[in-house]
Amino acid sequence: MWLKAFHLFFMTAWFAGLFYLPRLFVYHAMTDDAAGNERFKIMERKLYYFVTPWMILTVVFGLWMIYDYQHVRVYLDQQWWLYIKIILVALLVVYHLWCGRIMKTFAKDKNQRSDRWFRWFNEIPVVILLAIIYLASMKPF
């Protein structure tokens, strides 16, 4: 159970960053003063690099739990929800890396997207988290 506890802890920390970083992008896209622009660049960079280890540890502890269960082959063969969850986590990793690219675009003052676009972008991890929680708690397949 300690693997699950660590997995959930790191997942919560990672999601805190995934919810906040795109919100910073919203406000950054709305700013028009140089001081605010520079402040957002610093905040985005620090947050991104702070939560990236949480992403890695979430994946590591998740894979470790799967590895612990692999000796029970029947368990994994009957757990289609787990395979869907792994795909969703992979999408979250891609989303996280996409946030890194956006952060670098802002750092170069080359952002072309509106705050409205970032508001929609900000909802992606919410939807994926809802799906993951449903899959992990209900195990529907």
Protein backbone atom coordinates (compact mmCIF):
# COMPACT_ATOMS: atom_id res chain seq x y z
CA MET A 1 0.00 0.00 0.00
CA TRP A 2 2.94 2.36 0.50
CA LEU A 3 3.57 2.31 -3.27
CA LYS A 4 0.02 3.47 -3.86
CA ALA A 5 0.37 6.17 -1.19
CA PHE A 6 3.51 7.58 -2.82
CA HIS A 7 1.93 7.28 -6.27
CA LEU A 8 -1.11 9.27 -5.12
CA PHE A 9 1.03 11.88 -3.33
CA PHE A 10 3.21 12.55 -6.37
CA MET A 11 0.19 12.49 -8.68
CA THR A 12 -1.52 15.14 -6.54
CA ALA A 13 1.58 17.35 -6.57
CA TRP A 14 1.94 16.92 -10.34
CA PHE A 15 -1.68 17.81 -10.97
CA ALA A 16 -1.39 20.91 -8.80
CA GLY A 17 1.27 22.08 -11.24
CA LEU A 18 -0.72 20.96 -14.30
CA PHE A 19 -3.68 23.00 -13.10
CA TYR A 20 -1.66 26.10 -12.17
CA LEU A 21 0.85 26.36 -15.03
CA PRO A 22 -1.75 26.78 -17.81
CA ARG A 23 -3.55 29.31 -15.59
CA LEU A 24 -0.30 31.28 -15.51
CA PHE A 25 -0.31 31.08 -19.33
CA VAL A 26 -3.80 32.64 -19.34
CA TYR A 27 -2.63 35.59 -17.26
CA HIS A 28 0.66 35.85 -19.13
CA ALA A 29 -1.20 36.08 -22.44
CA MET A 30 -3.27 38.91 -20.97
CA THR A 31 -0.34 40.96 -19.64
CA ASP A 32 0.93 43.92 -21.61
CA ASP A 33 3.61 45.38 -19.34
CA ALA A 34 7.27 44.40 -19.39
CA ALA A 35 7.58 43.84 -15.64
CA GLY A 36 4.56 41.53 -15.59
CA ASN A 37 5.85 39.69 -18.64
CA GLU A 38 9.20 39.01 -16.96
CA ARG A 39 7.51 37.99 -13.69
CA PHE A 40 5.35 35.41 -15.49
CA LYS A 41 8.39 34.01 -17.29
CA ILE A 42 10.11 33.39 -13.95
CA MET A 43 6.99 31.91 -12.33
CA GLU A 44 6.32 29.59 -15.27
CA ARG A 45 9.91 28.37 -15.44
CA LYS A 46 10.16 27.73 -11.70
CA LEU A 47 6.82 25.94 -11.56
CA TYR A 48 7.51 23.78 -14.62
CA TYR A 49 10.87 22.59 -13.33
CA PHE A 50 9.47 22.15 -9.82
CA VAL A 51 6.63 19.82 -10.90
CA THR A 52 8.54 17.85 -13.54
CA PRO A 53 10.11 15.54 -10.90
CA TRP A 54 6.60 14.90 -9.53
CA MET A 55 5.54 13.74 -13.00
CA ILE A 56 8.50 11.38 -13.19
CA LEU A 57 7.88 10.00 -9.69
CA THR A 58 4.17 9.52 -10.43
CA VAL A 59 5.04 7.42 -13.46
CA VAL A 60 7.80 5.53 -11.64
CA PHE A 61 5.58 4.56 -8.71
CA GLY A 62 2.71 3.68 -11.05
CA LEU A 63 4.94 1.40 -13.09
CA TRP A 64 6.35 -0.07 -9.90
CA MET A 65 2.83 -0.99 -8.77
CA ILE A 66 2.14 -2.61 -12.14
CA TYR A 67 5.42 -4.51 -11.88
CA ASP A 68 4.44 -5.78 -8.42
CA TYR A 69 1.18 -7.11 -9.85
CA GLN A 70 2.66 -8.63 -13.00
CA HIS A 71 3.33 -11.96 -11.29
CA VAL A 72 -0.44 -12.42 -11.26
CA ARG A 73 -0.86 -12.58 -15.04
CA VAL A 74 -4.61 -13.11 -14.78
CA TYR A 75 -4.87 -9.83 -12.89
CA LEU A 76 -3.40 -7.79 -15.73
CA ASP A 77 -5.22 -9.70 -18.46
CA GLN A 78 -8.56 -8.79 -16.88
CA GLN A 79 -7.79 -5.14 -16.17
CA TRP A 80 -8.63 -3.23 -19.35
CA TRP A 81 -9.22 -0.11 -17.30
CA LEU A 82 -5.51 -0.12 -16.43
CA TYR A 83 -4.44 -0.06 -20.06
CA ILE A 84 -6.77 2.87 -20.73
CA LYS A 85 -5.38 4.63 -17.66
CA ILE A 86 -1.82 4.12 -18.93
CA ILE A 87 -2.81 5.72 -22.25
CA LEU A 88 -4.34 8.68 -20.39
CA VAL A 89 -1.21 9.09 -18.26
CA ALA A 90 0.88 9.04 -21.45
CA LEU A 91 -1.36 11.83 -22.80
CA LEU A 92 -0.74 13.79 -19.59
CA VAL A 93 3.01 13.40 -20.03
CA VAL A 94 2.63 14.77 -23.58
CA TYR A 95 0.51 17.62 -22.18
CA HIS A 96 3.21 18.35 -19.59
CA LEU A 97 5.88 18.47 -22.28
CA TRP A 98 3.61 20.68 -24.40
CA CYS A 99 3.41 23.06 -21.44
CA GLY A 100 7.21 23.13 -21.47
CA ARG A 101 7.19 24.16 -25.14
CA ILE A 102 4.62 26.87 -24.43
CA MET A 103 6.74 28.11 -21.53
CA LYS A 104 9.73 28.39 -23.85
CA THR A 105 7.61 30.23 -26.43
CA PHE A 106 6.62 32.77 -23.78
CA ALA A 107 10.27 33.02 -22.67
CA LYS A 108 11.19 34.08 -26.22
CA ASP A 109 8.26 36.55 -26.35
CA LYS A 110 6.81 34.65 -29.32
CA ASN A 111 3.41 33.62 -27.98
CA GLN A 112 0.67 33.98 -30.61
CA ARG A 113 -2.19 32.37 -28.68
CA SER A 114 -4.94 34.24 -26.86
CA ASP A 115 -5.88 33.97 -23.21
CA ARG A 116 -9.13 32.36 -24.40
CA TRP A 117 -7.17 29.55 -26.07
CA PHE A 118 -5.21 28.97 -22.85
CA ARG A 119 -8.45 28.86 -20.85
CA TRP A 120 -9.57 25.90 -22.97
CA PHE A 121 -6.10 24.37 -22.86
CA ASN A 122 -6.27 24.58 -19.06
CA GLU A 123 -9.26 22.20 -19.01
CA ILE A 124 -7.49 19.24 -20.64
CA PRO A 125 -5.93 17.85 -17.43
CA VAL A 126 -9.25 18.26 -15.60
CA VAL A 127 -11.02 15.99 -18.08
CA ILE A 128 -8.20 13.45 -18.07
CA LEU A 129 -8.06 13.43 -14.26
CA LEU A 130 -11.81 12.79 -14.09
CA ALA A 131 -11.42 9.84 -16.48
CA ILE A 132 -8.46 8.43 -14.54
CA ILE A 133 -10.26 8.68 -11.20
CA TYR A 134 -13.29 6.97 -12.69
CA LEU A 135 -11.18 4.17 -14.16
CA ALA A 136 -9.07 3.61 -11.04
CA SER A 137 -11.96 3.68 -8.58
CA MET A 138 -14.70 1.91 -10.58
CA LYS A 139 -12.51 -0.45 -12.65
CA PRO A 140 -15.28 -0.73 -15.26
CA PHE A 141 -13.63 -3.08 -17.75
